[in-house]
Amino acid sequence: MTEEILINFTPQETRVAVMQQGVVQELHIERTASRGLVGNVYLGRVVRILPGMQSAFIDVGLDRTAFLHVADIWQPRETATERPIEKILHDGQSILVQVVKDPIGTKGARLSTQVSIAGRMLVYLPQEKHIGISQRIESETEREVLREKITRLVPADEPGGFIVRTMAESASDEEFATDIAYLRKTWADIRDKARTSGPPTLLYQELSLGQRVLRDFVNPETTRIVIDSRENFQKLTGFAEEYTPAVIPLLEHYTGQRPLFDLHGVEEEIQKALARRVDLKSGGYLIIDQTEAMTTIDVNTGGFVGVRNFDDTIFKTNLEAAVTIARQLRLRNLGGIIIVDFIDMENDEHKKAVLDEFNKALARDHTRLTVNGFTALGLVEMTRKRTRESLAHVLCQPCPTCSGRGEVKTARTVAYEILRELLREARQFNAREYRILAGPDVVDLFLDEESQALAMLSDFIGKSVSLQSEPSYSPEQYDIVLM
């Protein structure tokens, strides 16, 4: 399946759309003000050790302290016993760490002391001495050929190990040698800076999104990379000439009048990817709810009526939903625990066919995931590795009116709250008059249906109550002013 990559640049933001057969499959957004941290190497300082959790908090110069678990502390392979964290680290200690997971929600960045530096063909492991091969390279013969090639290119007396990346299957000795030299130089620069700096210090920053596209996203199916900025086209061409010469023929500078993302329908897809409801071509639809703990996806038939019977309708809707869900997971970058509630099916063959279709669609996903079969309740449980914020978390914030609930109180509910608050205020303060400031809907309710209730309360407390409509107030907002 052919693939195109579109890159939209503005001074504040870089956006990348991965297209297959003209349809958006993935969206990546990086903002200048909040670039991702995964891959960054820091010289940090231990600020607190938690023996009970076998963890430590490390100050690396970010807004929140980062988190280091004992399992992520590199120890030589010859170490016979695993030592507790309080025997390895102490408060105030300088430590070289790498971010393996971005801060998500209220959680700080997750760290590791095992550094890995990614190149085009290889990942360099300065503290290791073995050569590994990507699991995606399945041919045992090919794996052995690659292992022998790297062993031949790396002198036995030089430190460090390598992992051969998937895209290196057809790489030449020259490409490998260039990558090895680049990675060793990068590590040498990191060590030199660490020796002359005090914590907290950023020692190495992962490549920008545009550069990572050339290093990581390109695969044999990629036919072109379209860039809508002349300046960045030139910068990426220069980067490609030095590190990824094979992708140079794929680079194109877009000069059209119409915005690149508008031309290919990407802007519309971004808006759809932020919606809770996703319509299916058959007339069915998905409801996607994202919470702190998990994401739930509910499949509904909607107005779809099968050609033969209801079972056929359900089966066809679920088949279409399986493909759409797989795409939505990539598009929205949904991670963690995901629960899919397909429409209940009685036929076991239908269940197997839907699960097979789901796994087939998920096979295009580059992110590590696991899928369990149907549970006793008819749900499909799965996990998708979460390494960065979802699209919704990047582009949106909780609604200030409903605080993320997705609902607001009715005008009547707010009106009754105001009556109770008035009674409390009257018992505490001896005001001459009380004035209610509230949204138009609440004030209208007090003037009409609840006018008697307001009059009775005014009579009970022995004070006059006036109303003032505030169009700028949210549906739940109100104030009671003592006059």
Protein backbone atom coordinates (compact mmCIF):
# COMPACT_ATOMS: atom_id res chain seq x y z
CA MET A 1 0.00 0.00 0.00
CA THR A 2 1.59 3.27 -1.13
CA GLU A 3 2.13 6.00 1.42
CA GLU A 4 2.59 9.76 1.25
CA ILE A 5 3.79 12.06 4.04
CA LEU A 6 2.61 15.67 4.18
CA ILE A 7 4.48 18.19 6.38
CA ASN A 8 2.89 21.55 7.26
CA PHE A 9 5.18 24.13 8.88
CA THR A 10 4.35 27.32 10.75
CA PRO A 11 6.75 29.16 13.09
CA GLN A 12 4.85 27.83 16.12
CA GLU A 13 3.92 24.34 14.99
CA THR A 14 4.87 21.40 12.77
CA ARG A 15 2.12 19.01 11.64
CA VAL A 16 2.64 15.72 9.82
CA ALA A 17 -0.05 13.63 8.12
CA VAL A 18 0.68 10.07 6.98
CA MET A 19 -1.59 9.24 4.04
CA GLN A 20 -2.44 5.84 2.55
CA GLN A 21 -4.47 5.80 -0.68
CA GLY A 22 -5.47 9.42 -0.03
CA VAL A 23 -6.80 8.75 3.49
CA VAL A 24 -5.19 10.15 6.65
CA GLN A 25 -3.85 7.33 8.83
CA GLU A 26 -1.69 9.17 11.36
CA LEU A 27 -1.34 12.72 12.64
CA HIS A 28 1.71 14.04 14.47
CA ILE A 29 1.87 17.54 15.93
CA GLU A 30 4.85 19.23 17.55
CA ARG A 31 4.65 22.73 18.97
CA THR A 32 7.72 24.87 19.41
CA ALA A 33 6.58 25.79 22.92
CA SER A 34 6.09 22.17 24.03
CA ARG A 35 8.30 19.77 22.10
CA GLY A 36 8.22 16.15 23.19
CA LEU A 37 10.95 15.00 25.56
CA VAL A 38 11.31 11.29 24.70
CA GLY A 39 14.94 10.59 23.75
CA ASN A 40 16.33 13.68 25.50
CA VAL A 41 19.37 13.04 27.72
CA TYR A 42 19.81 15.08 30.90
CA LEU A 43 22.27 15.44 33.73
CA GLY A 44 19.85 15.31 36.65
CA ARG A 45 19.93 15.48 40.43
CA VAL A 46 18.31 12.99 42.80
CA VAL A 47 15.87 14.98 44.97
CA ARG A 48 13.97 12.20 46.74
CA ILE A 49 14.22 8.43 47.09
CA LEU A 50 11.14 6.31 47.84
CA PRO A 51 12.37 2.91 49.12
CA GLY A 52 8.81 1.61 49.49
CA MET A 53 8.14 2.17 45.78
CA GLN A 54 11.74 1.41 44.76
CA SER A 55 11.69 4.71 42.87
CA ALA A 56 13.29 8.14 42.91
CA PHE A 57 12.32 11.63 41.81
CA ILE A 58 14.94 13.34 39.65
CA ASP A 59 15.23 17.06 38.92
CA VAL A 60 16.12 17.47 35.25
CA GLY A 61 15.03 21.09 34.95
CA LEU A 62 11.39 20.49 33.93
CA ASP A 63 8.24 21.89 35.56
CA ARG A 64 7.74 18.60 37.42
CA THR A 65 10.36 16.25 38.80
CA ALA A 66 10.82 13.14 36.67
CA PHE A 67 10.34 9.55 37.83
CA LEU A 68 12.99 6.80 37.88
CA HIS A 69 12.13 3.21 38.90
CA VAL A 70 14.80 0.76 40.03
CA ALA A 71 13.95 -1.49 37.06
CA ASP A 72 15.06 1.35 34.74
CA ILE A 73 18.47 1.75 36.37
CA TRP A 74 21.11 0.13 34.20
CA GLN A 75 23.41 -2.31 35.97
CA PRO A 76 26.20 -4.36 34.38
CA ARG A 77 25.11 -7.80 33.19
CA GLU A 78 27.72 -9.43 35.42
CA THR A 79 26.03 -8.00 38.54
CA ALA A 80 24.89 -11.10 40.39
CA THR A 81 22.21 -9.60 42.61
CA GLU A 82 19.73 -6.81 42.09
CA ARG A 83 20.35 -4.03 44.60
CA PRO A 84 17.57 -1.90 46.14
CA ILE A 85 17.37 1.69 44.93
CA GLU A 86 18.51 3.14 48.28
CA LYS A 87 21.80 1.25 47.85
CA ILE A 88 22.30 2.61 44.32
CA LEU A 89 21.30 6.28 44.65
CA HIS A 90 21.50 8.96 47.34
CA ASP A 91 19.91 12.40 47.70
CA GLY A 92 21.74 15.15 45.83
CA GLN A 93 23.56 12.71 43.52
CA SER A 94 24.21 13.75 39.90
CA ILE A 95 22.90 11.18 37.45
CA LEU A 96 22.78 10.88 33.66
CA VAL A 97 19.28 9.91 32.52
CA GLN A 98 17.18 9.67 29.38
CA VAL A 99 13.44 10.33 29.01
CA VAL A 100 11.55 7.20 27.91
CA LYS A 101 8.01 8.56 28.37
CA ASP A 102 6.74 12.14 28.09
CA PRO A 103 4.89 13.77 31.00
CA ILE A 104 1.23 12.73 30.64
CA GLY A 105 -1.57 14.36 32.61
CA THR A 106 -0.33 14.87 36.17
CA LYS A 107 2.52 12.38 35.84
CA GLY A 108 6.10 13.56 35.36
CA ALA A 109 8.43 12.22 32.68
CA ARG A 110 9.64 8.65 33.11
CA LEU A 111 13.40 8.13 32.99
CA SER A 112 15.98 5.42 32.40
CA THR A 113 19.70 5.40 33.07
CA GLN A 114 20.23 3.10 30.07
CA VAL A 115 20.88 5.52 27.25
CA SER A 116 19.97 4.67 23.66
CA ILE A 117 20.59 7.01 20.74
CA ALA A 118 18.66 6.40 17.55
CA GLY A 119 20.24 6.83 14.13
CA ARG A 120 18.86 6.12 10.69
CA MET A 121 19.79 2.42 10.56
CA LEU A 122 20.94 1.67 14.10
CA VAL A 123 20.23 2.39 17.74
CA TYR A 124 23.41 2.87 19.78
CA LEU A 125 23.59 1.45 23.32
CA PRO A 126 26.73 2.97 24.90
CA GLN A 127 26.57 0.83 28.06
CA GLU A 128 25.98 -2.52 26.31
CA LYS A 129 28.21 -4.73 24.20
CA HIS A 130 25.79 -6.86 22.21
CA ILE A 131 24.26 -6.58 18.74
CA GLY A 132 20.48 -6.98 18.51
CA ILE A 133 18.17 -7.13 15.51
CA SER A 134 14.69 -5.59 15.29
CA GLN A 135 11.95 -8.15 15.91
CA ARG A 136 10.18 -6.91 12.77
CA ILE A 137 12.97 -8.49 10.69
CA GLU A 138 11.60 -12.03 10.81
CA SER A 139 13.90 -13.93 8.43
CA GLU A 140 16.51 -15.76 10.51
CA THR A 141 18.92 -15.76 7.56
CA GLU A 142 18.57 -11.99 7.14
CA ARG A 143 19.07 -11.48 10.88
CA GLU A 144 22.33 -13.43 10.83
CA VAL A 145 23.60 -11.53 7.77
CA LEU A 146 22.94 -8.22 9.48
CA ARG A 147 24.52 -9.34 12.75
CA GLU A 148 27.69 -10.44 10.95
CA LYS A 149 27.81 -7.17 8.97
CA ILE A 150 27.63 -5.00 12.11
CA THR A 151 30.13 -7.22 13.95
CA ARG A 152 32.54 -6.73 11.06
CA LEU A 153 32.10 -2.93 11.07
CA VAL A 154 32.44 -2.48 14.85
CA PRO A 155 35.95 -3.07 16.27
CA ALA A 156 35.92 -5.55 19.14
CA ASP A 157 37.81 -3.20 21.46
CA GLU A 158 35.34 -0.31 21.07
CA PRO A 159 32.64 0.07 23.75
CA GLY A 160 28.93 0.05 23.08
CA GLY A 161 26.39 -2.15 21.34
CA PHE A 162 23.87 -1.68 18.55
CA ILE A 163 20.33 -2.63 17.61
CA VAL A 164 19.66 -2.91 13.89
CA ARG A 165 16.44 -1.08 12.95
CA THR A 166 13.79 -2.48 10.60
CA MET A 167 14.63 -0.03 7.81
CA ALA A 168 18.22 -1.34 7.71
CA GLU A 169 17.34 -4.60 5.93
CA SER A 170 18.85 -3.46 2.62
CA ALA A 171 21.41 -0.96 3.98
CA SER A 172 24.94 -0.90 2.57
CA ASP A 173 28.17 -1.08 4.57
CA GLU A 174 28.72 2.60 3.83
CA GLU A 175 25.33 3.57 5.29
CA PHE A 176 26.01 1.52 8.41
CA ALA A 177 29.49 3.03 8.81
CA THR A 178 28.10 6.57 8.47
CA ASP A 179 25.45 5.82 11.10
CA ILE A 180 28.00 4.30 13.50
CA ALA A 181 30.30 7.33 13.19
CA TYR A 182 27.39 9.76 13.77
CA LEU A 183 26.13 7.86 16.83
CA ARG A 184 29.58 7.56 18.43
CA LYS A 185 30.22 11.29 17.90
CA THR A 186 26.83 12.14 19.42
CA TRP A 187 27.61 10.04 22.52
CA ALA A 188 31.08 11.61 22.84
CA ASP A 189 29.49 15.09 22.72
CA ILE A 190 27.01 14.06 25.45
CA ARG A 191 29.79 12.81 27.74
CA ASP A 192 31.93 15.89 27.18
CA LYS A 193 29.03 18.19 28.04
CA ALA A 194 28.17 16.12 31.13
CA ARG A 195 31.75 16.46 32.43
CA THR A 196 31.70 20.25 32.14
CA SER A 197 28.13 20.92 33.34
CA GLY A 198 26.24 20.79 36.62
CA PRO A 199 22.74 19.37 37.10
CA PRO A 200 20.13 19.95 35.87
CA THR A 201 21.35 20.26 32.27
CA LEU A 202 19.94 19.16 28.91
CA LEU A 203 22.80 17.24 27.27
CA TYR A 204 21.10 16.00 24.11
CA GLN A 205 17.78 16.85 22.47
CA GLU A 206 15.94 14.44 20.22
CA LEU A 207 15.52 15.52 16.61
CA SER A 208 12.66 17.80 15.58
CA LEU A 209 9.49 16.21 14.18
CA GLY A 210 10.47 17.11 10.62
CA GLN A 211 13.87 15.43 11.02
CA ARG A 212 12.34 12.38 12.71
CA VAL A 213 10.03 11.97 9.72
CA LEU A 214 13.08 11.47 7.49
CA ARG A 215 14.78 9.18 10.00
CA ASP A 216 11.87 7.10 11.28
CA PHE A 217 8.71 7.40 9.18
CA VAL A 218 10.01 6.60 5.71
CA ASN A 219 9.53 2.99 4.61
CA PRO A 220 9.56 1.09 1.28
CA GLU A 221 5.91 2.10 0.66
CA THR A 222 6.66 5.84 0.98
CA THR A 223 6.40 7.47 -2.45
CA ARG A 224 6.89 11.15 -1.54
CA ILE A 225 7.33 13.63 1.31
CA VAL A 226 5.61 16.95 0.57
CA ILE A 227 6.82 20.05 2.49
CA ASP A 228 4.97 23.37 2.33
CA SER A 229 7.80 25.65 3.54
CA ARG A 230 10.76 26.62 1.34
CA GLU A 231 13.01 27.33 4.35
CA ASN A 232 12.23 23.99 6.01
CA PHE A 233 12.42 22.15 2.69
CA GLN A 234 15.99 23.41 2.39
CA LYS A 235 16.78 22.53 6.02
CA LEU A 236 15.39 19.00 5.67
CA THR A 237 17.20 18.54 2.35
CA GLY A 238 20.45 19.49 4.11
CA PHE A 239 19.68 17.07 6.95
CA ALA A 240 18.88 14.32 4.44
CA GLU A 241 22.13 14.90 2.54
CA GLU A 242 24.08 14.34 5.76
CA TYR A 243 22.10 11.57 7.45
CA THR A 244 19.42 10.09 5.15
CA PRO A 245 20.54 10.47 1.50
CA ALA A 246 18.16 7.71 0.34
CA VAL A 247 15.11 9.92 1.03
CA ILE A 248 16.31 12.94 -1.00
CA PRO A 249 14.44 11.83 -4.18
CA LEU A 250 11.20 11.67 -2.14
CA LEU A 251 11.32 15.30 -0.96
CA GLU A 252 8.99 17.76 -2.72
CA HIS A 253 8.43 21.46 -2.05
CA TYR A 254 4.72 22.34 -2.31
CA THR A 255 4.19 25.79 -3.85
CA GLY A 256 0.43 25.77 -4.51
CA GLN A 257 -1.88 28.60 -3.43
CA ARG A 258 -4.27 26.37 -1.49
CA PRO A 259 -2.97 25.25 1.95
CA LEU A 260 -1.46 21.76 1.75
CA PHE A 261 -3.66 20.24 4.48
CA ASP A 262 -6.80 21.75 2.94
CA LEU A 263 -5.91 20.31 -0.45
CA HIS A 264 -5.71 16.77 0.92
CA GLY A 265 -8.64 17.03 3.35
CA VAL A 266 -6.44 16.78 6.44
CA GLU A 267 -7.97 19.77 8.25
CA GLU A 268 -11.41 18.13 8.02
CA GLU A 269 -9.99 14.85 9.35
CA ILE A 270 -8.44 16.65 12.34
CA GLN A 271 -11.85 18.07 13.27
CA LYS A 272 -13.45 14.62 12.90
CA ALA A 273 -10.70 13.07 15.07
CA LEU A 274 -11.67 15.40 17.92
CA ALA A 275 -15.35 14.41 17.79
CA ARG A 276 -16.87 11.87 20.17
CA ARG A 277 -18.96 10.29 17.39
CA VAL A 278 -17.51 8.68 14.26
CA ASP A 279 -19.99 7.82 11.52
CA LEU A 280 -19.56 4.62 9.51
CA LYS A 281 -20.38 4.45 5.79
CA SER A 282 -22.97 1.76 6.48
CA GLY A 283 -25.03 4.10 8.68
CA GLY A 284 -23.67 2.75 11.96
CA TYR A 285 -21.42 4.82 14.21
CA LEU A 286 -18.81 4.69 16.98
CA ILE A 287 -18.82 6.56 20.28
CA ILE A 288 -15.27 7.11 21.58
CA ASP A 289 -14.82 8.19 25.20
CA GLN A 290 -11.35 8.94 26.51
CA THR A 291 -10.77 8.97 30.28
CA GLU A 292 -7.69 9.11 32.52
CA ALA A 293 -7.70 5.33 33.04
CA MET A 294 -8.84 3.96 29.69
CA THR A 295 -10.56 4.56 26.37
CA THR A 296 -13.91 2.96 25.59
CA ILE A 297 -15.28 2.52 22.07
CA ASP A 298 -18.95 1.62 21.61
CA VAL A 299 -20.23 0.32 18.25
CA ASN A 300 -23.85 1.07 17.26
CA THR A 301 -25.91 0.04 14.21
CA GLY A 302 -27.57 3.43 13.82
CA GLY A 303 -29.80 3.43 10.76
CA PHE A 304 -28.07 0.52 9.00
CA VAL A 305 -30.48 -2.23 7.96
CA GLY A 306 -28.98 -5.44 6.57
CA VAL A 307 -30.07 -6.94 3.28
CA ARG A 308 -31.12 -10.25 4.83
CA ASN A 309 -31.62 -10.15 8.59
CA PHE A 310 -30.60 -8.41 11.81
CA ASP A 311 -27.64 -10.76 12.42
CA ASP A 312 -26.29 -9.82 9.00
CA THR A 313 -26.70 -6.13 9.86
CA ILE A 314 -24.77 -6.53 13.12
CA PHE A 315 -21.99 -8.57 11.46
CA LYS A 316 -21.43 -6.07 8.63
CA THR A 317 -21.47 -3.11 11.02
CA ASN A 318 -18.91 -4.79 13.28
CA LEU A 319 -16.64 -5.62 10.32
CA GLU A 320 -16.65 -2.01 9.16
CA ALA A 321 -16.18 -0.81 12.73
CA ALA A 322 -13.12 -3.05 13.21
CA VAL A 323 -11.29 -1.34 10.34
CA THR A 324 -12.41 2.15 11.39
CA ILE A 325 -11.41 1.64 15.03
CA ALA A 326 -7.90 0.55 14.03
CA ARG A 327 -7.52 3.73 11.98
CA GLN A 328 -8.96 5.93 14.74
CA LEU A 329 -6.48 4.53 17.28
CA ARG A 330 -3.60 5.65 15.05
CA LEU A 331 -5.22 8.93 14.04
CA ARG A 332 -6.05 9.98 17.62
CA ASN A 333 -2.94 8.27 19.09
CA LEU A 334 -5.03 6.58 21.76
CA GLY A 335 -2.95 4.57 24.23
CA GLY A 336 -3.17 2.57 27.44
CA ILE A 337 -6.12 0.26 28.09
CA ILE A 338 -8.76 0.26 25.34
CA ILE A 339 -12.14 -1.51 25.63
CA VAL A 340 -14.13 -2.09 22.43
CA ASP A 341 -17.82 -2.93 22.78
CA PHE A 342 -18.78 -4.44 19.44
CA ILE A 343 -22.49 -5.10 18.92
CA ASP A 344 -23.36 -8.46 20.49
CA MET A 345 -23.06 -11.41 18.09
CA GLU A 346 -24.49 -14.86 18.72
CA ASN A 347 -22.59 -16.53 15.87
CA ASP A 348 -19.07 -17.68 16.91
CA GLU A 349 -17.90 -17.61 13.28
CA HIS A 350 -18.96 -13.97 13.05
CA LYS A 351 -17.01 -13.20 16.24
CA LYS A 352 -13.89 -14.85 14.85
CA ALA A 353 -14.23 -13.03 11.52
CA VAL A 354 -14.58 -9.64 13.26
CA LEU A 355 -11.58 -10.32 15.50
CA ASP A 356 -9.50 -11.44 12.49
CA GLU A 357 -10.49 -8.27 10.59
CA PHE A 358 -9.57 -6.16 13.64
CA ASN A 359 -6.14 -7.79 13.99
CA LYS A 360 -5.52 -7.45 10.26
CA ALA A 361 -6.30 -3.70 10.38
CA LEU A 362 -4.17 -3.26 13.50
CA ALA A 363 -1.18 -4.90 11.79
CA ARG A 364 -0.54 -1.58 9.98
CA ASP A 365 0.05 0.12 13.34
CA HIS A 366 3.73 0.73 14.17
CA THR A 367 2.99 1.09 17.90
CA ARG A 368 3.26 -2.00 20.10
CA LEU A 369 -0.14 -3.41 21.07
CA THR A 370 -1.81 -6.52 22.44
CA VAL A 371 -5.34 -7.70 21.69
CA ASN A 372 -7.29 -10.18 23.80
CA GLY A 373 -10.27 -12.03 22.37
CA PHE A 374 -13.89 -11.47 23.35
CA THR A 375 -14.49 -11.57 27.11
CA ALA A 376 -17.46 -13.27 28.77
CA LEU A 377 -19.25 -9.92 28.55
CA GLY A 378 -18.61 -9.69 24.80
CA LEU A 379 -15.97 -6.94 25.05
CA VAL A 380 -12.60 -6.85 23.32
CA GLU A 381 -9.80 -5.74 25.62
CA MET A 382 -6.55 -4.40 24.21
CA THR A 383 -3.58 -2.24 25.12
CA ARG A 384 -1.66 0.19 22.91
CA LYS A 385 1.66 1.56 24.10
CA ARG A 386 1.37 5.18 25.15
CA THR A 387 4.54 7.21 24.50
CA ARG A 388 3.04 10.65 23.88
CA GLU A 389 -0.15 12.60 24.48
CA SER A 390 -3.24 11.77 22.44
CA LEU A 391 -4.36 14.16 19.68
CA ALA A 392 -7.19 15.47 21.87
CA HIS A 393 -4.82 16.22 24.75
CA VAL A 394 -2.46 18.06 22.41
CA LEU A 395 -5.15 20.19 20.75
CA CYS A 396 -7.78 20.56 23.48
CA GLN A 397 -8.27 21.37 27.15
CA PRO A 398 -11.09 20.50 29.56
CA CYS A 399 -14.18 22.66 29.10
CA PRO A 400 -14.09 25.47 31.70
CA THR A 401 -17.89 25.34 31.97
CA CYS A 402 -18.38 21.62 32.65
CA SER A 403 -14.80 20.84 33.85
CA GLY A 404 -14.56 17.88 31.51
CA ARG A 405 -17.85 16.22 32.55
CA GLY A 406 -19.40 16.73 29.14
CA GLU A 407 -22.58 18.02 30.79
CA VAL A 408 -23.76 21.14 32.62
CA LYS A 409 -26.41 21.53 35.30
CA THR A 410 -29.88 22.56 34.14
CA ALA A 411 -31.12 26.09 34.81
CA ARG A 412 -33.60 24.65 37.33
CA THR A 413 -30.84 22.84 39.24
CA VAL A 414 -28.83 26.07 39.45
CA ALA A 415 -31.92 28.02 40.49
CA TYR A 416 -32.57 25.66 43.41
CA GLU A 417 -28.90 25.90 44.44
CA ILE A 418 -29.27 29.70 44.50
CA LEU A 419 -32.37 29.47 46.73
CA ARG A 420 -30.50 27.27 49.21
CA GLU A 421 -27.48 29.59 49.16
CA LEU A 422 -29.76 32.61 49.73
CA LEU A 423 -31.16 30.93 52.84
CA ARG A 424 -27.62 30.25 54.16
CA GLU A 425 -26.54 33.83 53.47
CA ALA A 426 -29.63 35.26 55.21
CA ARG A 427 -28.90 33.26 58.37
CA GLN A 428 -25.28 34.49 58.50
CA PHE A 429 -25.58 38.13 57.40
CA ASN A 430 -28.09 40.87 58.06
CA ALA A 431 -28.16 42.55 54.64
CA ARG A 432 -30.64 45.21 53.54
CA GLU A 433 -31.27 43.43 50.21
CA TYR A 434 -29.91 40.48 48.21
CA ARG A 435 -29.14 40.60 44.50
CA ILE A 436 -28.81 37.46 42.38
CA LEU A 437 -26.40 37.65 39.44
CA ALA A 438 -26.83 34.67 37.09
CA GLY A 439 -26.99 33.59 33.46
CA PRO A 440 -30.02 34.61 31.34
CA ASP A 441 -31.66 31.14 31.46
CA VAL A 442 -31.61 31.07 35.28
CA VAL A 443 -32.92 34.63 35.58
CA ASP A 444 -35.69 33.86 33.06
CA LEU A 445 -36.70 30.84 35.13
CA PHE A 446 -36.93 32.97 38.30
CA LEU A 447 -39.06 35.51 36.44
CA ASP A 448 -41.43 32.85 35.14
CA GLU A 449 -41.89 29.33 36.52
CA GLU A 450 -39.95 29.79 39.78
CA SER A 451 -41.18 33.31 40.57
CA GLN A 452 -43.44 32.00 43.33
CA ALA A 453 -40.56 30.06 44.96
CA LEU A 454 -38.38 33.18 44.95
CA ALA A 455 -41.21 35.31 46.38
CA MET A 456 -41.86 32.79 49.17
CA LEU A 457 -38.14 32.73 50.13
CA SER A 458 -38.00 36.55 50.11
CA ASP A 459 -41.00 36.64 52.40
CA PHE A 460 -39.48 33.96 54.70
CA ILE A 461 -36.16 35.80 55.20
CA GLY A 462 -37.89 39.19 55.37
CA LYS A 463 -35.61 40.80 52.78
CA SER A 464 -36.17 41.88 49.19
CA VAL A 465 -34.38 39.91 46.44
CA SER A 466 -33.56 41.41 43.02
CA LEU A 467 -32.34 39.74 39.81
CA GLN A 468 -29.60 40.77 37.41
CA SER A 469 -28.98 38.87 34.15
CA GLU A 470 -25.31 38.40 33.20
CA PRO A 471 -24.94 37.15 29.59
CA SER A 472 -21.22 36.47 30.12
CA TYR A 473 -21.89 33.98 32.94
CA SER A 474 -21.65 30.25 32.21
CA PRO A 475 -24.80 28.13 32.81
CA GLU A 476 -23.60 27.09 36.30
CA GLN A 477 -22.13 30.43 37.39
CA TYR A 478 -23.89 32.76 39.82
CA ASP A 479 -23.17 35.30 42.57
CA ILE A 480 -25.25 36.59 45.48
CA VAL A 481 -24.49 40.21 46.37
CA LEU A 482 -25.32 41.61 49.80
CA MET A 483 -26.67 45.18 49.36
